[in-house]
Amino acid sequence: ESVRNIVEGAAELGIEYLTLYAFSTENWDRPAYEVTGLMELLVETIRKEVPTLNKNNIKLHVIGDRSMLPEKACMALDEALTETAANTGLNLIMALSYSSRWELVNAVKNIAE
């Protein structure tokens, strides 16, 4: 609820970009049952909130190592990204399986290409 209020408030204020650090790479070190629960919560929340994102003209983006996420989570994210792609308001960036180390490695790979 509090995250929804922050996101909607940012959209109302005309903020262009908001990043939510939702799941860091360190979270993979949690017990398996916790990780499973968090991934299930992610899927449920994404599916539940897409209509609200669209109502508020919010475009969803995802950063991080998606290859580590379960297929069900990737599918829900892909659906949400597609459903919000045409929105032109706030750019909501979800950092999932993300760390600064991952960002640096990814940047170096992109430069090398």
N, C-alpha and C. Protein backbone atom coordinates (compact mmCIF):
# COMPACT_ATOMS: atom_id res chain seq x y z
N GLU A 1 0.82 -1.20 0.00
CA GLU A 1 0.00 0.00 0.00
C GLU A 1 0.87 1.26 0.00
N SER A 2 1.91 1.28 0.85
CA SER A 2 2.75 2.48 0.92
C SER A 2 3.51 2.70 -0.39
N VAL A 3 3.96 1.61 -1.02
CA VAL A 3 4.66 1.74 -2.30
C VAL A 3 3.70 2.29 -3.36
N ARG A 4 2.48 1.79 -3.37
CA ARG A 4 1.49 2.28 -4.33
C ARG A 4 1.26 3.78 -4.14
N ASN A 5 1.15 4.22 -2.88
CA ASN A 5 0.94 5.64 -2.60
C ASN A 5 2.12 6.49 -3.08
N ILE A 6 3.33 6.00 -2.88
CA ILE A 6 4.52 6.73 -3.33
C ILE A 6 4.54 6.83 -4.85
N VAL A 7 4.27 5.71 -5.52
CA VAL A 7 4.29 5.69 -6.99
C VAL A 7 3.20 6.61 -7.55
N GLU A 8 2.00 6.51 -7.03
CA GLU A 8 0.91 7.37 -7.51
C GLU A 8 1.20 8.84 -7.22
N GLY A 9 1.77 9.11 -6.04
CA GLY A 9 2.12 10.49 -5.69
C GLY A 9 3.19 11.05 -6.61
N ALA A 10 4.18 10.24 -6.93
CA ALA A 10 5.24 10.67 -7.85
C ALA A 10 4.66 10.98 -9.22
N ALA A 11 3.73 10.14 -9.67
CA ALA A 11 3.09 10.37 -10.97
C ALA A 11 2.29 11.67 -10.95
N GLU A 12 1.55 11.91 -9.88
CA GLU A 12 0.75 13.13 -9.76
C GLU A 12 1.62 14.38 -9.73
N LEU A 13 2.81 14.27 -9.15
CA LEU A 13 3.73 15.42 -9.06
C LEU A 13 4.49 15.67 -10.35
N GLY A 14 4.33 14.79 -11.32
CA GLY A 14 5.02 14.96 -12.60
C GLY A 14 6.46 14.48 -12.59
N ILE A 15 6.82 13.69 -11.61
CA ILE A 15 8.17 13.12 -11.57
C ILE A 15 8.32 12.18 -12.76
N GLU A 16 9.44 12.27 -13.45
CA GLU A 16 9.62 11.49 -14.67
C GLU A 16 10.12 10.07 -14.42
N TYR A 17 10.99 9.89 -13.43
CA TYR A 17 11.61 8.58 -13.18
C TYR A 17 11.60 8.26 -11.70
N LEU A 18 11.25 7.02 -11.38
CA LEU A 18 11.28 6.53 -10.01
C LEU A 18 11.78 5.10 -10.05
N THR A 19 12.84 4.81 -9.29
CA THR A 19 13.39 3.46 -9.24
C THR A 19 13.06 2.82 -7.90
N LEU A 20 12.52 1.61 -7.95
CA LEU A 20 12.25 0.82 -6.75
C LEU A 20 13.23 -0.34 -6.71
N TYR A 21 14.02 -0.41 -5.65
CA TYR A 21 14.94 -1.53 -5.48
C TYR A 21 14.16 -2.65 -4.81
N ALA A 22 13.61 -3.53 -5.63
CA ALA A 22 12.65 -4.52 -5.16
C ALA A 22 13.29 -5.82 -4.69
N PHE A 23 14.42 -6.22 -5.30
CA PHE A 23 15.03 -7.51 -4.96
C PHE A 23 16.49 -7.47 -5.38
N SER A 24 17.39 -7.33 -4.41
CA SER A 24 18.82 -7.26 -4.73
C SER A 24 19.38 -8.66 -4.94
N THR A 25 20.55 -8.73 -5.55
CA THR A 25 21.18 -10.04 -5.77
C THR A 25 21.48 -10.73 -4.43
N GLU A 26 21.69 -9.95 -3.38
CA GLU A 26 21.95 -10.54 -2.07
C GLU A 26 20.74 -11.31 -1.54
N ASN A 27 19.56 -10.98 -2.02
CA ASN A 27 18.35 -11.69 -1.57
C ASN A 27 18.34 -13.15 -1.99
N TRP A 28 19.14 -13.51 -3.01
CA TRP A 28 19.21 -14.92 -3.42
C TRP A 28 19.84 -15.78 -2.33
N ASP A 29 20.53 -15.16 -1.36
CA ASP A 29 21.14 -15.90 -0.26
C ASP A 29 20.15 -16.25 0.84
N ARG A 30 18.96 -15.76 0.76
CA ARG A 30 17.92 -16.09 1.74
C ARG A 30 17.56 -17.58 1.61
N PRO A 31 16.91 -18.13 2.63
CA PRO A 31 16.42 -19.51 2.51
C PRO A 31 15.48 -19.65 1.31
N ALA A 32 15.50 -20.82 0.69
CA ALA A 32 14.73 -21.05 -0.53
C ALA A 32 13.24 -20.73 -0.36
N TYR A 33 12.67 -21.08 0.80
CA TYR A 33 11.25 -20.83 0.98
C TYR A 33 10.95 -19.33 0.99
N GLU A 34 11.88 -18.51 1.50
CA GLU A 34 11.68 -17.06 1.49
C GLU A 34 11.76 -16.51 0.06
N VAL A 35 12.74 -16.98 -0.70
CA VAL A 35 12.89 -16.54 -2.09
C VAL A 35 11.65 -16.92 -2.89
N THR A 36 11.18 -18.14 -2.71
CA THR A 36 9.97 -18.59 -3.41
C THR A 36 8.79 -17.71 -3.05
N GLY A 37 8.64 -17.41 -1.78
CA GLY A 37 7.55 -16.55 -1.33
C GLY A 37 7.64 -15.15 -1.92
N LEU A 38 8.84 -14.61 -1.97
CA LEU A 38 9.04 -13.27 -2.54
C LEU A 38 8.74 -13.25 -4.04
N MET A 39 9.13 -14.31 -4.74
CA MET A 39 8.86 -14.38 -6.18
C MET A 39 7.36 -14.52 -6.44
N GLU A 40 6.67 -15.30 -5.61
CA GLU A 40 5.22 -15.43 -5.75
C GLU A 40 4.54 -14.09 -5.48
N LEU A 41 5.03 -13.37 -4.47
CA LEU A 41 4.49 -12.05 -4.15
C LEU A 41 4.73 -11.08 -5.31
N LEU A 42 5.90 -11.16 -5.92
CA LEU A 42 6.22 -10.31 -7.07
C LEU A 42 5.22 -10.54 -8.20
N VAL A 43 5.00 -11.80 -8.55
CA VAL A 43 4.08 -12.14 -9.65
C VAL A 43 2.67 -11.64 -9.33
N GLU A 44 2.22 -11.91 -8.12
CA GLU A 44 0.87 -11.50 -7.70
C GLU A 44 0.73 -9.98 -7.75
N THR A 45 1.73 -9.27 -7.24
CA THR A 45 1.67 -7.81 -7.19
C THR A 45 1.71 -7.20 -8.58
N ILE A 46 2.59 -7.70 -9.43
CA ILE A 46 2.69 -7.17 -10.79
C ILE A 46 1.33 -7.30 -11.49
N ARG A 47 0.76 -8.49 -11.44
CA ARG A 47 -0.53 -8.72 -12.13
C ARG A 47 -1.64 -7.84 -11.55
N LYS A 48 -1.61 -7.65 -10.25
CA LYS A 48 -2.65 -6.86 -9.58
C LYS A 48 -2.52 -5.37 -9.88
N GLU A 49 -1.29 -4.88 -10.04
CA GLU A 49 -1.07 -3.44 -10.14
C GLU A 49 -1.05 -2.89 -11.57
N VAL A 50 -1.00 -3.73 -12.59
CA VAL A 50 -0.95 -3.23 -13.97
C VAL A 50 -2.13 -2.30 -14.29
N PRO A 51 -3.37 -2.63 -13.89
CA PRO A 51 -4.46 -1.69 -14.17
C PRO A 51 -4.24 -0.32 -13.53
N THR A 52 -3.67 -0.30 -12.32
CA THR A 52 -3.37 0.97 -11.65
C THR A 52 -2.29 1.73 -12.39
N LEU A 53 -1.27 1.01 -12.87
CA LEU A 53 -0.22 1.66 -13.65
C LEU A 53 -0.82 2.31 -14.90
N ASN A 54 -1.67 1.58 -15.59
CA ASN A 54 -2.30 2.11 -16.80
C ASN A 54 -3.21 3.30 -16.49
N LYS A 55 -3.97 3.19 -15.41
CA LYS A 55 -4.87 4.28 -15.02
C LYS A 55 -4.09 5.57 -14.76
N ASN A 56 -2.87 5.42 -14.23
CA ASN A 56 -2.04 6.58 -13.91
C ASN A 56 -1.00 6.90 -14.98
N ASN A 57 -1.11 6.24 -16.15
CA ASN A 57 -0.22 6.49 -17.30
C ASN A 57 1.25 6.22 -16.95
N ILE A 58 1.50 5.19 -16.15
CA ILE A 58 2.85 4.84 -15.69
C ILE A 58 3.41 3.73 -16.56
N LYS A 59 4.62 3.94 -17.03
CA LYS A 59 5.31 2.94 -17.86
C LYS A 59 6.30 2.18 -16.99
N LEU A 60 6.21 0.86 -17.03
CA LEU A 60 7.08 0.01 -16.23
C LEU A 60 8.35 -0.34 -17.00
N HIS A 61 9.48 -0.34 -16.30
CA HIS A 61 10.77 -0.79 -16.82
C HIS A 61 11.37 -1.73 -15.78
N VAL A 62 12.24 -2.62 -16.21
CA VAL A 62 12.92 -3.54 -15.28
C VAL A 62 14.41 -3.51 -15.56
N ILE A 63 15.20 -3.39 -14.49
CA ILE A 63 16.65 -3.51 -14.61
C ILE A 63 17.11 -4.63 -13.68
N GLY A 64 18.22 -5.24 -14.02
CA GLY A 64 18.78 -6.32 -13.21
C GLY A 64 18.94 -7.58 -14.04
N ASP A 65 19.42 -8.61 -13.39
CA ASP A 65 19.71 -9.88 -14.06
C ASP A 65 18.46 -10.74 -14.09
N ARG A 66 17.65 -10.54 -15.11
CA ARG A 66 16.39 -11.28 -15.22
C ARG A 66 16.59 -12.76 -15.43
N SER A 67 17.77 -13.17 -15.88
CA SER A 67 18.02 -14.59 -16.13
C SER A 67 17.95 -15.40 -14.83
N MET A 68 18.07 -14.74 -13.70
CA MET A 68 18.01 -15.44 -12.42
C MET A 68 16.58 -15.59 -11.90
N LEU A 69 15.66 -14.85 -12.47
CA LEU A 69 14.27 -14.89 -12.01
C LEU A 69 13.56 -16.13 -12.54
N PRO A 70 12.61 -16.66 -11.77
CA PRO A 70 11.82 -17.80 -12.25
C PRO A 70 11.04 -17.42 -13.51
N GLU A 71 10.76 -18.41 -14.33
CA GLU A 71 10.05 -18.18 -15.60
C GLU A 71 8.70 -17.50 -15.37
N LYS A 72 8.00 -17.90 -14.33
CA LYS A 72 6.69 -17.32 -14.04
C LYS A 72 6.81 -15.82 -13.77
N ALA A 73 7.87 -15.42 -13.07
CA ALA A 73 8.09 -14.00 -12.79
C ALA A 73 8.43 -13.25 -14.07
N CYS A 74 9.27 -13.85 -14.90
CA CYS A 74 9.64 -13.22 -16.18
C CYS A 74 8.43 -13.04 -17.07
N MET A 75 7.55 -14.04 -17.09
CA MET A 75 6.35 -13.94 -17.92
C MET A 75 5.44 -12.82 -17.43
N ALA A 76 5.26 -12.72 -16.11
CA ALA A 76 4.42 -11.66 -15.55
C ALA A 76 5.02 -10.29 -15.85
N LEU A 77 6.34 -10.18 -15.74
CA LEU A 77 7.01 -8.92 -16.04
C LEU A 77 6.86 -8.56 -17.51
N ASP A 78 7.06 -9.54 -18.39
CA ASP A 78 6.93 -9.29 -19.84
C ASP A 78 5.52 -8.80 -20.18
N GLU A 79 4.51 -9.42 -19.57
CA GLU A 79 3.12 -8.99 -19.81
C GLU A 79 2.92 -7.56 -19.34
N ALA A 80 3.44 -7.24 -18.15
CA ALA A 80 3.28 -5.89 -17.60
C ALA A 80 4.03 -4.86 -18.44
N LEU A 81 5.22 -5.22 -18.90
CA LEU A 81 6.00 -4.31 -19.75
C LEU A 81 5.25 -4.01 -21.05
N THR A 82 4.66 -5.05 -21.63
CA THR A 82 3.90 -4.89 -22.87
C THR A 82 2.65 -4.04 -22.63
N GLU A 83 1.95 -4.33 -21.53
CA GLU A 83 0.69 -3.63 -21.25
C GLU A 83 0.89 -2.16 -20.89
N THR A 84 2.08 -1.79 -20.42
CA THR A 84 2.32 -0.39 -20.03
C THR A 84 3.23 0.34 -21.02
N ALA A 85 3.61 -0.33 -22.10
CA ALA A 85 4.61 0.22 -23.03
C ALA A 85 4.19 1.55 -23.65
N ALA A 86 2.92 1.76 -23.87
CA ALA A 86 2.46 2.99 -24.53
C ALA A 86 2.25 4.15 -23.56
N ASN A 87 2.36 3.89 -22.27
CA ASN A 87 2.15 4.95 -21.29
C ASN A 87 3.27 5.98 -21.37
N THR A 88 2.92 7.24 -21.14
CA THR A 88 3.88 8.34 -21.35
C THR A 88 4.16 9.15 -20.10
N GLY A 89 3.64 8.71 -18.97
CA GLY A 89 3.86 9.46 -17.72
C GLY A 89 5.11 8.98 -17.01
N LEU A 90 5.00 8.79 -15.73
CA LEU A 90 6.11 8.34 -14.89
C LEU A 90 6.73 7.06 -15.44
N ASN A 91 8.04 7.00 -15.47
CA ASN A 91 8.78 5.78 -15.81
C ASN A 91 9.14 5.11 -14.49
N LEU A 92 8.46 4.02 -14.18
CA LEU A 92 8.70 3.27 -12.96
C LEU A 92 9.69 2.16 -13.25
N ILE A 93 10.85 2.24 -12.62
CA ILE A 93 11.92 1.28 -12.88
C ILE A 93 12.02 0.34 -11.68
N MET A 94 11.81 -0.95 -11.92
CA MET A 94 11.95 -1.94 -10.86
C MET A 94 13.31 -2.61 -10.99
N ALA A 95 14.09 -2.52 -9.93
CA ALA A 95 15.40 -3.18 -9.89
C ALA A 95 15.20 -4.55 -9.25
N LEU A 96 15.35 -5.59 -10.07
CA LEU A 96 15.15 -6.97 -9.62
C LEU A 96 16.41 -7.77 -9.89
N SER A 97 16.85 -8.52 -8.90
CA SER A 97 18.10 -9.28 -9.01
C SER A 97 19.21 -8.33 -9.47
N TYR A 98 19.29 -7.23 -8.74
CA TYR A 98 20.14 -6.11 -9.13
C TYR A 98 21.20 -5.84 -8.07
N SER A 99 22.37 -5.44 -8.54
CA SER A 99 23.43 -4.95 -7.65
C SER A 99 24.31 -3.99 -8.45
N SER A 100 25.07 -3.18 -7.75
CA SER A 100 25.97 -2.26 -8.46
C SER A 100 27.03 -3.05 -9.22
N ARG A 101 27.43 -4.19 -8.68
CA ARG A 101 28.41 -5.04 -9.37
C ARG A 101 27.83 -5.52 -10.71
N TRP A 102 26.58 -5.96 -10.69
CA TRP A 102 25.92 -6.40 -11.92
C TRP A 102 25.90 -5.25 -12.93
N GLU A 103 25.57 -4.05 -12.46
CA GLU A 103 25.50 -2.88 -13.33
C GLU A 103 26.86 -2.60 -13.98
N LEU A 104 27.93 -2.67 -13.20
CA LEU A 104 29.27 -2.42 -13.73
C LEU A 104 29.68 -3.48 -14.75
N VAL A 105 29.44 -4.75 -14.43
CA VAL A 105 29.78 -5.83 -15.36
C VAL A 105 29.00 -5.66 -16.66
N ASN A 106 27.74 -5.34 -16.56
CA ASN A 106 26.90 -5.14 -17.74
C ASN A 106 27.40 -3.96 -18.57
N ALA A 107 27.79 -2.88 -17.92
CA ALA A 107 28.29 -1.71 -18.64
C ALA A 107 29.58 -2.04 -19.39
N VAL A 108 30.48 -2.78 -18.75
CA VAL A 108 31.74 -3.15 -19.39
C VAL A 108 31.47 -4.06 -20.59
N LYS A 109 30.55 -5.00 -20.44
CA LYS A 109 30.19 -5.88 -21.57
C LYS A 109 29.66 -5.06 -22.75
N ASN A 110 28.80 -4.08 -22.45
CA ASN A 110 28.23 -3.25 -23.52
C ASN A 110 29.30 -2.41 -24.21
N ILE A 111 30.26 -1.91 -23.45
CA ILE A 111 31.35 -1.13 -24.03
C ILE A 111 32.21 -2.01 -24.93
N ALA A 112 32.46 -3.25 -24.47
CA ALA A 112 33.30 -4.18 -25.22
C ALA A 112 32.67 -4.58 -26.55
N GLU A 113 31.35 -4.55 -26.62
CA GLU A 113 30.65 -4.93 -27.86
C GLU A 113 30.72 -3.78 -28.79
